[in-house]
Amino acid sequence: MTQIREATSAPSSSVSQQLAGLRGRNILTAERRGTTIIYRVADEDRFELLDVARRIFNAPLSDTIDLLRLAADETGAADGTRHKRAYTLRPPSPPRII
């Protein structure tokens, strides 16, 4: 839990509640080794499911970003200036915690 808390900057109580909820829904398994608890995803096929869902939901966003980039390029070409872009081309993928 400490590594997750440090990686997310979330309070310990929130991390603990989320882990308990994921264990209760059989999404995670927990194995105790002394004072350490090792959490694992119960079914790694869920990563594939989440990857597919991410692609489905991000596709329209990617199209919008491409259109914004094109519009910014055209605007810059029309007035002879280049505009700084405050957006990224693709949203970052969240880290996998195994």
Protein backbone atom coordinates (compact mmCIF):
# COMPACT_ATOMS: atom_id res chain seq x y z
CA MET A 1 0.00 0.00 0.00
CA THR A 2 2.88 2.37 0.72
CA GLN A 3 4.14 2.19 -2.88
CA ILE A 4 0.66 2.90 -4.25
CA ARG A 5 0.16 5.78 -1.82
CA GLU A 6 3.51 7.31 -2.75
CA ALA A 7 2.89 6.87 -6.49
CA THR A 8 -0.56 8.47 -6.31
CA SER A 9 -0.07 10.93 -3.41
CA ALA A 10 -3.40 9.67 -2.07
CA PRO A 11 -4.05 9.39 1.66
CA SER A 12 -3.47 5.95 3.19
CA SER A 13 -7.12 5.64 4.18
CA SER A 14 -8.27 6.22 0.58
CA VAL A 15 -5.80 3.69 -0.82
CA SER A 16 -6.81 1.15 1.81
CA GLN A 17 -10.52 1.60 1.05
CA GLN A 18 -9.95 1.30 -2.71
CA LEU A 19 -7.86 -1.85 -2.29
CA ALA A 20 -10.50 -3.37 -0.01
CA GLY A 21 -13.19 -2.60 -2.59
CA LEU A 22 -11.15 -4.16 -5.40
CA ARG A 23 -10.47 -7.26 -3.28
CA GLY A 24 -14.15 -7.50 -2.38
CA ARG A 25 -15.07 -7.54 -6.06
CA ASN A 26 -12.41 -10.18 -6.82
CA ILE A 27 -10.47 -7.77 -9.01
CA LEU A 28 -7.39 -8.03 -6.79
CA THR A 29 -5.95 -10.82 -4.72
CA ALA A 30 -3.82 -10.19 -1.66
CA GLU A 31 -0.99 -12.31 -0.29
CA ARG A 32 0.59 -11.55 3.06
CA ARG A 33 4.35 -11.98 3.45
CA GLY A 34 5.25 -10.99 6.97
CA THR A 35 4.27 -7.34 7.31
CA THR A 36 4.04 -6.88 3.53
CA ILE A 37 0.90 -7.47 1.48
CA ILE A 38 1.36 -8.27 -2.20
CA TYR A 39 -1.59 -7.25 -4.40
CA ARG A 40 -2.14 -8.87 -7.77
CA VAL A 41 -4.77 -8.53 -10.44
CA ALA A 42 -6.92 -11.64 -10.21
CA ASP A 43 -7.39 -11.93 -13.99
CA GLU A 44 -4.80 -10.30 -16.22
CA ASP A 45 -7.20 -10.42 -19.18
CA ARG A 46 -8.76 -7.35 -17.57
CA PHE A 47 -5.76 -5.35 -18.76
CA GLU A 48 -6.66 -6.25 -22.34
CA LEU A 49 -10.27 -5.25 -21.71
CA LEU A 50 -9.18 -1.91 -20.26
CA ASP A 51 -6.76 -1.31 -23.16
CA VAL A 52 -9.57 -1.86 -25.68
CA ALA A 53 -11.93 0.41 -23.71
CA ARG A 54 -9.24 3.10 -23.54
CA ARG A 55 -8.75 2.96 -27.32
CA ILE A 56 -12.53 3.20 -27.90
CA PHE A 57 -12.94 6.20 -25.59
CA ASN A 58 -9.75 7.97 -26.67
CA ALA A 59 -10.35 7.69 -30.43
CA PRO A 60 -12.76 10.67 -30.57
CA LEU A 61 -10.40 12.66 -28.35
CA SER A 62 -7.48 11.90 -30.65
CA ASP A 63 -9.53 13.05 -33.65
CA THR A 64 -10.36 16.31 -31.86
CA ILE A 65 -6.72 16.90 -30.97
CA ASP A 66 -5.71 16.30 -34.59
CA LEU A 67 -8.33 18.83 -35.74
CA LEU A 68 -7.09 21.39 -33.19
CA ARG A 69 -3.54 20.89 -34.39
CA LEU A 70 -4.62 21.37 -38.01
CA ALA A 71 -6.58 24.52 -37.11
CA ALA A 72 -3.61 25.94 -35.19
CA ASP A 73 -1.29 25.21 -38.10
CA GLU A 74 -3.69 26.89 -40.55
CA THR A 75 -4.10 29.91 -38.28
CA GLY A 76 -0.33 30.23 -37.95
CA ALA A 77 0.12 29.99 -41.70
CA ALA A 78 -2.59 32.61 -42.33
CA ASP A 79 -1.16 35.30 -40.05
CA GLY A 80 2.52 34.35 -40.28
CA THR A 81 2.79 33.37 -36.60
CA ARG A 82 3.15 30.06 -34.85
CA HIS A 83 0.97 29.38 -31.83
CA LYS A 84 2.19 27.47 -28.82
CA ARG A 85 0.17 24.35 -28.29
CA ALA A 86 -1.13 23.65 -24.80
CA TYR A 87 -2.32 20.14 -25.57
CA THR A 88 -0.74 16.78 -26.11
CA LEU A 89 -1.23 14.56 -29.11
CA ARG A 90 -2.33 11.49 -27.16
CA PRO A 91 -3.54 11.18 -23.57
CA PRO A 92 -1.08 9.29 -21.38
CA SER A 93 -1.84 5.73 -20.39
CA PRO A 94 -2.12 5.12 -16.66
CA PRO A 95 0.54 2.88 -15.12
CA ARG A 96 -0.28 -0.76 -14.53
CA ILE A 97 0.03 -1.86 -10.94
CA ILE A 98 0.75 -5.55 -10.68
